[in-house]
Amino acid sequence: MRYAYGVTTALLLAGSALTLATGFPAGAQVAQNDSSQIQAITPRQGAPSSFADLTAQLQPAVVNISTRQRVKVQNNNPFAGTPFGDLFGGGQGGQGGGSTREAQSLGSGFIISADGYVVTNNHVITADGQGEVESISVTTPDGTEYPAKLVGKDAASDLAVLKITGNKPFPFVKFGDSRKARVGDWVIAIGNPFGLGGTVTQGIISAVYRATGSGSAYDRYLQTDASINRGNSGGPMFDMAGNVIGINNAIYSPTGGSVGIGFAIPAEIAAPIVEKLKNGQAIERGYLGVRIQPINDDLAASLGLPKNRGEFIQSVEPGAGAAKAGIQAGDVVTRVDGKEVKPDQTLSFIVANTAPGKTVAIDLVRNGKPMTVNAVVGKRPTEEELANQSFDQDQQDDNGLGDNSDGQQQQKQAQATGALQKSLGIGAVPLTPQIARQLGVSEDTRGVVVTGVDSSSDAGAKGLQRRDIILSANYRMLATVADLEAVVRQAKAENREAVLLRVQRAGQPAIYLPIRLR
């Protein structure tokens, strides 16, 4: 990402004006600071008097990482499908394919060995997940810039390992173990927020093994109130012994800035992955092939089960380990391989961290009756493969997208999706307030959400994407998938060859898009 930073003189001038307006003589403030008048402030027991000595030892191993990348850009033509479609370089279908732009990303990292291995986040060295890395640079605190080689990266854990070479051994830090950490322990974070190198922030551990609800393979973080901002990604979180107990990864922020809720990848999860990446080994994770939902209040009440224990199976992938073991939609999994399924130890986390090929006992509840099945854990597909499987795959926080415990309603929805697939080349589900929040639009927005697009269809050619919201069709406002189907049927009855959709994409204004019927 490119960031532009500007420092204005407005506040400085305002401060000067305020000082002059008070009328106090210049020596007044000096007199107040007479050392004989200052009382020593003794830190409370257990609180460090300063982080300076610890910082001085650790900071030389924390680096700035910058990349130059070439990113593919899809040039959407607003006049696609009209006689003016070719006037703007759109070509057939109104798309200008093949163009690229240069992108930069800025982040942090830390050296873990004297010979120059560097750990950072995968997203720091991959712009928008679509960047082709042209160069990676690592800058040490003394200002020396080194070209870096990408040794390995892993999207699921969001980790990457780089290698730099120098004329002398590099200062480095070591991984610790966050399992020894407690809520309330002091931590410091060192990184390069907003490109400001060598920034140190301090705080405490706010939560250990916090699950964010994403359902990803590694949804298990250290939460801290130490200030974490853009550019801190990939930087270390240290305990008071100088060990890296976390890798700063993300923040929760309605405003985009730090609000005191930051997340770090626990060291004991990251260290084995980093070691495999250093050695060029493949990262294999377990996979059952289920779509899941946490047991919330409503589900718990309807099932007569305690909340926050176990996870509900929404669907089972045919031929995968869960299906072969006899697990069914509607089951509640409570324990896997002796490990209890709960918010800080999700089903996705347990299974992903189980070796493929291992047979595990799975405790579940079916129609109120406990039972146990044995399942052979498969190999988890790549993040790209999972993203293409369905709209509400288990590693994303799409909880409730098309979810309905009523089997008849699920069947009707599946039929509706199939009908749209034949006519428009898309799948869709109704837009609920919960989904609206996840997509970043107002909860009172009405429409249907695109769950998938056939790339060979006109909708695919014109850039319609998964997660797009269709607000209206042929100027008819939509509230259900059936509404969209009705518009399609009417268009066919009138021998129309296309329907006019009004499409909303998060962060962009709504546009009208004509889609040809198949």
Protein backbone atom coordinates (compact mmCIF):
# COMPACT_ATOMS: atom_id res chain seq x y z
CA MET A 1 0.00 0.00 0.00
CA ARG A 2 1.17 3.53 -0.60
CA TYR A 3 0.76 5.85 2.31
CA ALA A 4 1.14 9.61 2.18
CA TYR A 5 2.18 11.25 5.41
CA GLY A 6 2.00 14.94 6.00
CA VAL A 7 2.99 17.05 9.01
CA THR A 8 1.35 20.46 9.10
CA THR A 9 2.39 23.50 11.13
CA ALA A 10 -1.16 24.25 12.32
CA LEU A 11 -0.82 22.73 15.77
CA LEU A 12 2.64 24.14 16.28
CA LEU A 13 1.46 27.62 15.46
CA ALA A 14 -1.55 27.23 17.70
CA GLY A 15 0.67 26.16 20.58
CA SER A 16 2.89 29.21 20.12
CA ALA A 17 -0.09 31.54 20.09
CA LEU A 18 -1.44 30.03 23.30
CA THR A 19 1.91 30.47 25.07
CA LEU A 20 2.15 34.12 24.06
CA ALA A 21 -1.43 34.80 25.10
CA THR A 22 -0.88 33.65 28.70
CA GLY A 23 1.52 36.49 29.41
CA PHE A 24 3.66 34.44 31.83
CA PRO A 25 7.37 35.26 31.75
CA ALA A 26 9.61 32.70 30.08
CA GLY A 27 11.29 31.78 33.37
CA ALA A 28 8.10 30.82 35.14
CA GLN A 29 7.97 27.32 33.68
CA VAL A 30 11.66 26.81 34.37
CA ALA A 31 11.22 27.75 37.98
CA GLN A 32 8.49 25.17 38.40
CA ASN A 33 10.88 22.49 37.19
CA ASP A 34 13.51 23.22 39.82
CA SER A 35 14.77 19.82 40.89
CA SER A 36 14.50 20.76 44.54
CA GLN A 37 10.74 21.11 44.13
CA ILE A 38 10.14 17.77 42.34
CA GLN A 39 9.09 14.74 44.35
CA ALA A 40 10.39 11.39 43.13
CA ILE A 41 7.65 9.11 41.82
CA THR A 42 8.23 5.49 42.75
CA PRO A 43 6.67 2.91 40.43
CA ARG A 44 4.15 0.58 42.00
CA GLN A 45 5.41 -2.89 42.86
CA GLY A 46 5.62 -5.07 39.76
CA ALA A 47 5.62 -2.16 37.30
CA PRO A 48 8.86 -1.50 35.41
CA SER A 49 10.41 1.88 36.04
CA SER A 50 11.35 2.04 32.36
CA PHE A 51 11.33 -0.10 29.23
CA ALA A 52 14.43 1.62 27.90
CA ASP A 53 17.04 -1.01 28.78
CA LEU A 54 14.93 -3.85 27.37
CA THR A 55 14.15 -1.86 24.23
CA ALA A 56 17.80 -1.06 23.64
CA GLN A 57 18.60 -4.78 23.63
CA LEU A 58 15.72 -5.82 21.37
CA GLN A 59 15.31 -3.00 18.87
CA PRO A 60 18.38 -3.81 16.73
CA ALA A 61 16.71 -7.09 15.65
CA VAL A 62 13.45 -5.44 14.52
CA VAL A 63 13.41 -4.38 10.88
CA ASN A 64 11.36 -2.45 8.36
CA ILE A 65 10.13 -4.40 5.34
CA SER A 66 9.11 -2.84 2.05
CA THR A 67 8.20 -4.46 -1.24
CA ARG A 68 7.69 -3.50 -4.84
CA GLN A 69 5.12 -5.55 -6.65
CA ARG A 70 3.24 -5.74 -9.89
CA VAL A 71 -0.49 -6.12 -9.28
CA LYS A 72 -3.07 -7.21 -11.84
CA VAL A 73 -5.86 -4.70 -12.36
CA GLN A 74 -9.24 -5.44 -13.87
CA ASN A 75 -10.40 -2.43 -15.85
CA ASN A 76 -14.18 -2.39 -15.51
CA ASN A 77 -15.81 -0.57 -18.40
CA PRO A 78 -18.98 1.29 -17.33
CA PHE A 79 -20.14 1.23 -20.97
CA ALA A 80 -19.78 -2.56 -21.34
CA GLY A 81 -22.64 -4.07 -23.30
CA THR A 82 -23.44 -0.79 -25.09
CA PRO A 83 -22.38 0.52 -28.51
CA PHE A 84 -19.77 2.61 -26.67
CA GLY A 85 -18.11 -0.38 -25.01
CA ASP A 86 -15.01 -0.37 -27.24
CA LEU A 87 -14.32 3.36 -27.03
CA PHE A 88 -12.46 3.07 -23.73
CA GLY A 89 -10.12 0.20 -24.49
CA GLY A 90 -12.51 -2.36 -23.07
CA GLY A 91 -12.41 -4.84 -25.90
CA GLN A 92 -14.92 -7.64 -26.01
CA GLY A 93 -17.19 -7.78 -23.00
CA GLY A 94 -16.03 -4.34 -21.94
CA GLN A 95 -13.04 -5.54 -19.98
CA GLY A 96 -9.51 -4.28 -20.42
CA GLY A 97 -7.55 -7.33 -19.39
CA GLY A 98 -3.87 -7.73 -18.77
CA SER A 99 -3.10 -4.33 -17.25
CA THR A 100 -0.98 -4.05 -14.13
CA ARG A 101 0.07 -1.37 -11.69
CA GLU A 102 3.02 -1.00 -9.36
CA ALA A 103 2.22 -1.43 -5.68
CA GLN A 104 4.17 -1.08 -2.47
CA SER A 105 3.63 -2.57 0.95
CA LEU A 106 5.19 -1.53 4.22
CA GLY A 107 5.46 -3.59 7.35
CA SER A 108 7.67 -4.89 10.09
CA GLY A 109 9.65 -8.02 10.82
CA PHE A 110 12.32 -9.40 13.11
CA ILE A 111 15.56 -11.32 12.68
CA ILE A 112 15.59 -14.78 14.28
CA SER A 113 19.14 -15.92 13.50
CA ALA A 114 22.63 -14.46 13.16
CA ASP A 115 22.75 -15.53 9.51
CA GLY A 116 19.81 -13.30 8.59
CA TYR A 117 16.49 -15.16 8.61
CA VAL A 118 13.61 -12.70 9.02
CA VAL A 119 10.02 -13.40 10.05
CA THR A 120 7.06 -11.27 8.98
CA ASN A 121 3.41 -11.57 7.95
CA ASN A 122 2.50 -13.03 4.59
CA HIS A 123 0.22 -10.09 3.85
CA VAL A 124 3.17 -7.70 4.21
CA ILE A 125 4.90 -9.24 1.20
CA THR A 126 1.76 -9.94 -0.85
CA ALA A 127 -0.25 -6.88 -1.91
CA ASP A 128 -3.98 -7.61 -1.84
CA GLY A 129 -3.19 -11.29 -2.36
CA GLN A 130 -2.69 -10.59 -6.09
CA GLY A 131 0.78 -9.10 -6.19
CA GLU A 132 3.73 -10.51 -8.06
CA VAL A 133 6.73 -9.65 -5.92
CA GLU A 134 9.43 -7.83 -7.84
CA SER A 135 11.68 -6.95 -4.91
CA ILE A 136 11.75 -7.07 -1.12
CA SER A 137 13.91 -4.79 0.99
CA VAL A 138 14.77 -5.10 4.67
CA THR A 139 16.04 -2.02 6.50
CA THR A 140 17.71 -2.38 9.89
CA PRO A 141 17.50 0.29 12.61
CA ASP A 142 20.90 1.71 11.65
CA GLY A 143 19.49 2.57 8.21
CA THR A 144 21.25 -0.19 6.26
CA GLU A 145 19.06 -1.60 3.49
CA TYR A 146 19.40 -5.22 2.40
CA PRO A 147 17.80 -6.97 -0.57
CA ALA A 148 15.80 -9.92 0.78
CA LYS A 149 14.97 -13.31 -0.68
CA LEU A 150 11.58 -14.86 -0.03
CA VAL A 151 12.31 -18.26 1.51
CA GLY A 152 8.73 -19.35 2.13
CA LYS A 153 5.24 -18.10 2.89
CA ASP A 154 2.01 -19.54 4.22
CA ALA A 155 -1.29 -17.77 3.64
CA ALA A 156 -3.30 -19.78 6.18
CA SER A 157 -1.14 -18.74 9.12
CA ASP A 158 -0.22 -15.39 7.50
CA LEU A 159 3.50 -16.02 8.02
CA ALA A 160 6.50 -15.54 5.76
CA VAL A 161 10.25 -16.06 6.08
CA LEU A 162 12.85 -13.91 4.33
CA LYS A 163 16.65 -14.16 4.10
CA ILE A 164 19.16 -11.33 4.08
CA THR A 165 22.95 -11.53 3.84
CA GLY A 166 25.51 -9.27 5.52
CA ASN A 167 29.21 -9.00 6.23
CA LYS A 168 28.82 -9.71 9.93
CA PRO A 169 26.39 -11.61 12.16
CA PHE A 170 23.02 -9.97 12.64
CA PRO A 171 21.47 -9.25 16.05
CA PHE A 172 18.51 -11.57 16.56
CA VAL A 173 15.74 -12.46 18.98
CA LYS A 174 14.23 -15.76 20.02
CA PHE A 175 10.71 -17.17 20.20
CA GLY A 176 9.18 -17.65 23.61
CA ASP A 177 5.98 -19.43 24.63
CA SER A 178 2.78 -17.48 25.15
CA ARG A 179 1.27 -20.40 27.07
CA LYS A 180 3.25 -19.08 30.03
CA ALA A 181 1.70 -15.63 29.65
CA ARG A 182 -1.21 -14.41 31.74
CA VAL A 183 -3.80 -11.73 31.23
CA GLY A 184 -2.36 -8.55 32.70
CA ASP A 185 1.30 -9.31 31.91
CA TRP A 186 3.36 -6.44 30.49
CA VAL A 187 4.34 -6.60 26.81
CA ILE A 188 6.04 -4.25 24.37
CA ALA A 189 5.59 -4.06 20.60
CA ILE A 190 8.27 -2.75 18.27
CA GLY A 191 7.59 -1.96 14.64
CA ASN A 192 7.13 0.63 11.93
CA PRO A 193 3.57 1.98 12.10
CA PHE A 194 2.72 4.25 9.17
CA GLY A 195 6.32 3.96 8.03
CA LEU A 196 7.67 5.55 11.20
CA GLY A 197 10.63 3.29 11.90
CA GLY A 198 11.61 1.96 15.29
CA THR A 199 8.42 2.78 17.16
CA VAL A 200 7.96 1.18 20.58
CA THR A 201 4.60 0.81 22.32
CA GLN A 202 3.75 -0.89 25.58
CA GLY A 203 0.69 -2.43 27.16
CA ILE A 204 -0.59 -5.59 28.73
CA ILE A 205 -1.97 -8.87 27.48
CA SER A 206 -5.73 -8.36 27.33
CA ALA A 207 -6.65 -11.94 26.47
CA VAL A 208 -4.84 -15.20 25.83
CA TYR A 209 -6.01 -17.35 22.91
CA ARG A 210 -8.73 -14.99 21.73
CA ALA A 211 -10.90 -16.40 18.93
CA THR A 212 -12.19 -13.69 16.59
CA GLY A 213 -14.90 -15.84 15.04
CA SER A 214 -13.31 -16.01 11.60
CA GLY A 215 -13.30 -19.81 11.71
CA SER A 216 -9.86 -19.90 10.10
CA ALA A 217 -7.27 -22.57 10.71
CA TYR A 218 -5.45 -20.30 13.16
CA ASP A 219 -8.20 -18.26 14.78
CA ARG A 220 -6.33 -18.07 18.07
CA TYR A 221 -4.58 -14.87 19.05
CA LEU A 222 -2.99 -12.94 21.87
CA GLN A 223 -4.95 -9.74 22.44
CA THR A 224 -3.16 -6.64 23.66
CA ASP A 225 -3.87 -2.99 24.37
CA ALA A 226 -0.37 -1.99 23.23
CA SER A 227 -0.86 0.41 20.33
CA ILE A 228 -0.79 -1.53 17.05
CA ASN A 229 -1.32 0.32 13.77
CA ARG A 230 -0.79 -0.13 10.05
CA GLY A 231 2.85 -0.95 9.49
CA ASN A 232 3.15 -2.89 12.76
CA SER A 233 2.13 -6.05 10.90
CA GLY A 234 4.80 -8.72 11.15
CA GLY A 235 6.57 -7.06 14.05
CA PRO A 236 7.29 -8.78 17.37
CA MET A 237 5.46 -8.64 20.67
CA PHE A 238 7.92 -9.15 23.52
CA ASP A 239 7.48 -10.28 27.10
CA MET A 240 9.56 -8.76 29.87
CA ALA A 241 12.23 -11.43 29.43
CA GLY A 242 12.83 -10.25 25.86
CA ASN A 243 11.24 -13.28 24.18
CA VAL A 244 8.98 -12.99 21.15
CA ILE A 245 5.66 -14.32 22.42
CA GLY A 246 3.58 -13.02 19.51
CA ILE A 247 3.72 -11.67 15.96
CA ASN A 248 1.57 -8.56 15.55
CA ASN A 249 -0.99 -9.36 12.93
CA ALA A 250 -4.23 -7.38 13.03
CA ILE A 251 -6.31 -4.81 14.88
CA TYR A 252 -9.96 -4.29 15.58
CA SER A 253 -10.79 -0.75 14.64
CA PRO A 254 -13.98 0.97 13.50
CA THR A 255 -11.88 4.01 12.54
CA GLY A 256 -8.81 2.38 10.98
CA GLY A 257 -6.56 3.50 13.84
CA SER A 258 -5.61 1.81 17.09
CA VAL A 259 -8.40 1.61 19.65
CA GLY A 260 -6.50 -0.63 22.03
CA ILE A 261 -7.50 -3.99 20.58
CA GLY A 262 -4.62 -5.62 18.74
CA PHE A 263 -3.99 -9.26 17.89
CA ALA A 264 -0.77 -11.24 17.66
CA ILE A 265 -0.08 -14.76 16.42
CA PRO A 266 1.09 -16.80 19.44
CA ALA A 267 4.76 -17.75 19.27
CA GLU A 268 4.21 -21.46 19.90
CA ILE A 269 1.89 -21.60 16.87
CA ALA A 270 4.21 -19.56 14.65
CA ALA A 271 7.57 -21.14 15.55
CA PRO A 272 6.97 -24.64 14.05
CA ILE A 273 5.57 -23.12 10.86
CA VAL A 274 8.53 -20.75 10.57
CA GLU A 275 10.93 -23.66 11.00
CA LYS A 276 9.24 -25.60 8.20
CA LEU A 277 9.28 -22.57 5.91
CA LYS A 278 13.00 -22.09 6.62
CA ASN A 279 13.65 -25.70 5.61
CA GLY A 280 11.45 -25.60 2.52
CA GLN A 281 8.95 -28.09 3.92
CA ALA A 282 5.29 -28.13 2.93
CA ILE A 283 2.75 -27.01 5.52
CA GLU A 284 0.04 -29.67 5.73
CA ARG A 285 -3.10 -29.27 7.80
CA GLY A 286 -6.06 -31.42 8.64
CA TYR A 287 -9.46 -31.14 6.98
CA LEU A 288 -12.84 -32.75 7.60
CA GLY A 289 -14.98 -31.10 4.95
CA VAL A 290 -17.75 -29.46 6.97
CA ARG A 291 -19.35 -26.03 7.13
CA ILE A 292 -19.82 -25.02 10.72
CA GLN A 293 -21.50 -22.47 12.95
CA PRO A 294 -20.78 -21.72 16.63
CA ILE A 295 -23.48 -22.58 19.14
CA ASN A 296 -24.97 -19.14 19.78
CA ASP A 297 -27.86 -18.32 22.10
CA ASP A 298 -30.59 -19.15 19.61
CA LEU A 299 -29.05 -22.42 18.52
CA ALA A 300 -28.37 -23.46 22.09
CA ALA A 301 -31.97 -22.72 23.09
CA SER A 302 -33.42 -24.62 20.15
CA LEU A 303 -31.14 -27.62 20.68
CA GLY A 304 -31.33 -27.69 24.46
CA LEU A 305 -27.53 -27.49 24.71
CA PRO A 306 -25.22 -25.15 26.63
CA LYS A 307 -23.97 -22.21 24.58
CA ASN A 308 -20.31 -21.72 23.70
CA ARG A 309 -19.70 -25.45 23.74
CA GLY A 310 -19.49 -27.36 20.50
CA GLU A 311 -20.13 -26.27 16.93
CA PHE A 312 -23.12 -26.87 14.67
CA ILE A 313 -22.64 -28.65 11.32
CA GLN A 314 -24.43 -26.72 8.59
CA SER A 315 -23.37 -28.93 5.69
CA VAL A 316 -21.01 -31.79 4.88
CA GLU A 317 -18.81 -32.03 1.81
CA PRO A 318 -19.53 -35.27 -0.08
CA GLY A 319 -16.58 -37.67 -0.10
CA ALA A 320 -14.59 -35.84 2.59
CA GLY A 321 -13.58 -37.30 5.95
CA ALA A 322 -16.68 -36.11 7.82
CA ALA A 323 -19.07 -37.60 5.28
CA LYS A 324 -17.23 -40.92 5.28
CA ALA A 325 -17.44 -41.02 9.07
CA GLY A 326 -21.21 -40.53 8.95
CA ILE A 327 -21.32 -36.95 10.24
CA GLN A 328 -24.51 -35.22 9.10
CA ALA A 329 -25.85 -31.71 8.76
CA GLY A 330 -27.52 -30.82 12.05
CA ASP A 331 -24.99 -32.63 14.22
CA VAL A 332 -23.24 -30.76 17.05
CA VAL A 333 -19.55 -31.66 17.45
CA THR A 334 -18.48 -31.34 21.09
CA ARG A 335 -15.05 -32.99 21.18
CA VAL A 336 -12.36 -34.02 18.69
CA ASP A 337 -9.50 -36.36 19.56
CA GLY A 338 -10.15 -35.73 23.25
CA LYS A 339 -10.08 -31.93 22.85
CA GLU A 340 -13.20 -29.99 23.82
CA VAL A 341 -14.65 -27.72 21.13
CA LYS A 342 -15.16 -24.22 22.57
CA PRO A 343 -14.69 -20.58 21.52
CA ASP A 344 -10.96 -20.50 22.28
CA GLN A 345 -10.42 -23.96 20.75
CA THR A 346 -12.60 -24.13 17.68
CA LEU A 347 -13.31 -27.16 15.54
CA SER A 348 -11.42 -25.57 12.65
CA PHE A 349 -8.38 -24.96 14.85
CA ILE A 350 -8.33 -28.50 16.29
CA VAL A 351 -8.75 -30.20 12.93
CA ALA A 352 -6.31 -27.93 11.06
CA ASN A 353 -3.65 -28.75 13.64
CA THR A 354 -4.20 -32.49 13.31
CA ALA A 355 -1.93 -34.40 10.94
CA PRO A 356 -3.64 -35.52 7.72
CA GLY A 357 -4.23 -39.27 7.70
CA LYS A 358 -4.78 -39.55 11.44
CA THR A 359 -7.94 -41.27 12.68
CA VAL A 360 -9.65 -39.27 15.42
CA ALA A 361 -12.64 -39.91 17.66
CA ILE A 362 -15.35 -37.27 17.27
CA ASP A 363 -17.99 -36.83 19.97
CA LEU A 364 -21.22 -35.32 18.75
CA VAL A 365 -24.87 -34.84 19.60
CA ARG A 366 -27.53 -35.88 17.08
CA ASN A 367 -31.18 -35.24 17.82
CA GLY A 368 -30.33 -34.81 21.48
CA LYS A 369 -28.44 -38.11 21.72
CA PRO A 370 -24.66 -38.28 22.27
CA MET A 371 -22.62 -40.53 20.01
CA THR A 372 -19.05 -41.04 18.85
CA VAL A 373 -17.73 -41.62 15.33
CA ASN A 374 -14.22 -42.14 14.01
CA ALA A 375 -13.01 -40.01 11.12
CA VAL A 376 -9.85 -40.02 9.04
CA VAL A 377 -8.56 -36.47 8.78
CA GLY A 378 -7.88 -35.36 5.22
CA LYS A 379 -5.49 -32.74 3.84
CA ARG A 380 -6.74 -29.18 3.98
CA PRO A 381 -7.00 -27.49 0.57
CA THR A 382 -5.14 -24.25 -0.07
CA GLU A 383 -6.75 -20.97 0.93
CA GLU A 384 -7.37 -20.19 -2.75
CA GLU A 385 -9.13 -23.53 -3.27
CA LEU A 386 -11.25 -23.00 -0.17
CA ALA A 387 -12.18 -19.49 -1.30
CA ASN A 388 -13.51 -20.91 -4.56
CA GLN A 389 -15.56 -23.67 -2.97
CA SER A 390 -18.50 -21.67 -1.67
CA PHE A 391 -19.60 -18.27 -0.41
CA ASP A 392 -19.68 -19.24 3.25
CA GLN A 393 -16.71 -21.55 3.55
CA ASP A 394 -15.69 -22.48 7.10
CA GLN A 395 -12.62 -20.27 7.28
CA GLN A 396 -14.47 -17.00 6.89
CA ASP A 397 -16.78 -15.16 9.21
CA ASP A 398 -19.78 -15.58 6.90
CA ASN A 399 -21.78 -17.09 9.72
CA GLY A 400 -25.44 -17.16 8.67
CA LEU A 401 -24.99 -16.69 4.91
CA GLY A 402 -27.75 -18.86 3.62
CA ASP A 403 -27.91 -20.74 6.94
CA ASN A 404 -31.31 -22.11 7.90
CA SER A 405 -32.04 -25.07 10.12
CA ASP A 406 -35.27 -25.76 8.25
CA GLY A 407 -34.49 -28.46 5.70
CA GLN A 408 -37.39 -27.55 3.42
CA GLN A 409 -36.25 -23.92 3.29
CA GLN A 410 -32.70 -25.04 2.44
CA GLN A 411 -34.08 -27.14 -0.41
CA LYS A 412 -36.09 -24.20 -1.77
CA GLN A 413 -33.04 -21.95 -1.55
CA ALA A 414 -30.92 -24.52 -3.35
CA GLN A 415 -33.53 -24.72 -6.12
CA ALA A 416 -33.58 -20.93 -6.40
CA THR A 417 -29.81 -20.78 -6.64
CA GLY A 418 -29.89 -23.47 -9.34
CA ALA A 419 -32.48 -21.54 -11.34
CA LEU A 420 -30.37 -18.38 -11.24
CA GLN A 421 -27.32 -20.37 -12.22
CA LYS A 422 -29.06 -21.54 -15.39
CA SER A 423 -30.39 -18.09 -16.29
CA LEU A 424 -27.74 -15.66 -15.12
CA GLY A 425 -24.74 -17.79 -14.19
CA ILE A 426 -24.84 -16.72 -10.55
CA GLY A 427 -25.81 -18.05 -7.15
CA ALA A 428 -27.43 -15.83 -4.53
CA VAL A 429 -28.80 -15.71 -0.99
CA PRO A 430 -31.03 -13.12 0.72
CA LEU A 431 -29.30 -10.16 2.35
CA THR A 432 -29.89 -10.28 6.11
CA PRO A 433 -28.85 -7.59 8.63
CA GLN A 434 -26.06 -9.90 9.84
CA ILE A 435 -24.66 -10.36 6.35
CA ALA A 436 -25.01 -6.62 5.74
CA ARG A 437 -22.76 -5.94 8.74
CA GLN A 438 -20.19 -8.42 7.42
CA LEU A 439 -20.20 -6.78 3.99
CA GLY A 440 -19.84 -3.28 5.43
CA VAL A 441 -23.20 -1.88 4.33
CA SER A 442 -26.14 -0.50 6.27
CA GLU A 443 -28.26 -3.09 8.07
CA ASP A 444 -31.42 -1.75 6.44
CA THR A 445 -30.06 -2.45 2.93
CA ARG A 446 -32.33 -4.81 1.02
CA GLY A 447 -31.33 -7.12 -1.80
CA VAL A 448 -29.67 -10.44 -2.50
CA VAL A 449 -26.00 -11.33 -2.17
CA VAL A 450 -24.03 -12.99 -4.96
CA THR A 451 -22.51 -16.24 -3.68
CA GLY A 452 -20.73 -17.29 -6.84
CA VAL A 453 -20.34 -16.38 -10.52
CA ASP A 454 -19.77 -18.62 -13.52
CA SER A 455 -16.73 -17.12 -15.22
CA SER A 456 -18.05 -18.21 -18.62
CA SER A 457 -21.30 -16.27 -18.18
CA ASP A 458 -21.99 -12.68 -19.14
CA ALA A 459 -22.16 -11.81 -15.45
CA GLY A 460 -18.62 -13.10 -15.04
CA ALA A 461 -17.37 -11.31 -18.13
CA LYS A 462 -18.78 -8.01 -16.87
CA GLY A 463 -17.11 -8.26 -13.49
CA LEU A 464 -19.95 -9.36 -11.19
CA GLN A 465 -18.29 -10.87 -8.13
CA ARG A 466 -19.03 -12.95 -5.08
CA ARG A 467 -20.19 -10.69 -2.19
CA ASP A 468 -21.77 -8.15 -4.57
CA ILE A 469 -25.25 -7.05 -3.51
CA ILE A 470 -27.99 -6.93 -6.16
CA LEU A 471 -30.37 -4.19 -5.04
CA SER A 472 -32.83 -4.29 -7.94
CA ALA A 473 -33.52 -6.03 -11.23
CA ASN A 474 -35.28 -4.20 -14.07
CA TYR A 475 -36.01 -1.44 -11.52
CA ARG A 476 -37.81 -3.86 -9.19
CA MET A 477 -36.45 -3.78 -5.65
CA LEU A 478 -35.36 -7.19 -4.37
CA ALA A 479 -35.90 -8.70 -0.93
CA THR A 480 -35.61 -12.42 -1.70
CA VAL A 481 -34.03 -14.71 -4.26
CA ALA A 482 -37.56 -15.49 -5.44
CA ASP A 483 -37.97 -11.81 -6.38
CA LEU A 484 -34.96 -12.02 -8.67
CA GLU A 485 -36.22 -15.27 -10.17
CA ALA A 486 -39.58 -13.63 -10.90
CA VAL A 487 -37.86 -10.78 -12.76
CA VAL A 488 -35.89 -13.29 -14.84
CA ARG A 489 -39.05 -15.25 -15.70
CA GLN A 490 -40.85 -12.07 -16.71
CA ALA A 491 -37.93 -10.96 -18.87
CA LYS A 492 -37.94 -14.29 -20.67
CA ALA A 493 -41.71 -14.11 -21.15
CA GLU A 494 -41.26 -10.70 -22.77
CA ASN A 495 -38.45 -12.12 -24.92
CA ARG A 496 -35.87 -9.84 -23.37
CA GLU A 497 -32.27 -10.93 -23.80
CA ALA A 498 -30.95 -9.21 -20.67
CA VAL A 499 -31.92 -7.87 -17.28
CA LEU A 500 -30.72 -4.61 -15.79
CA LEU A 501 -29.21 -5.10 -12.32
CA ARG A 502 -28.35 -2.40 -9.84
CA VAL A 503 -25.28 -3.67 -8.02
CA GLN A 504 -23.70 -2.46 -4.78
CA ARG A 505 -20.12 -3.36 -3.90
CA ALA A 506 -18.74 -2.53 -0.46
CA GLY A 507 -17.04 0.86 -0.44
CA GLN A 508 -18.26 1.79 -3.94
CA PRO A 509 -21.35 3.55 -5.30
CA ALA A 510 -24.12 1.41 -6.79
CA ILE A 511 -24.08 1.01 -10.57
CA TYR A 512 -26.45 -0.41 -13.16
CA LEU A 513 -25.15 -3.46 -14.99
CA PRO A 514 -26.93 -5.19 -17.90
CA ILE A 515 -26.57 -8.97 -17.75
CA ARG A 516 -27.51 -11.17 -20.68
CA LEU A 517 -29.71 -14.18 -20.02
CA ARG A 518 -28.47 -17.63 -20.91
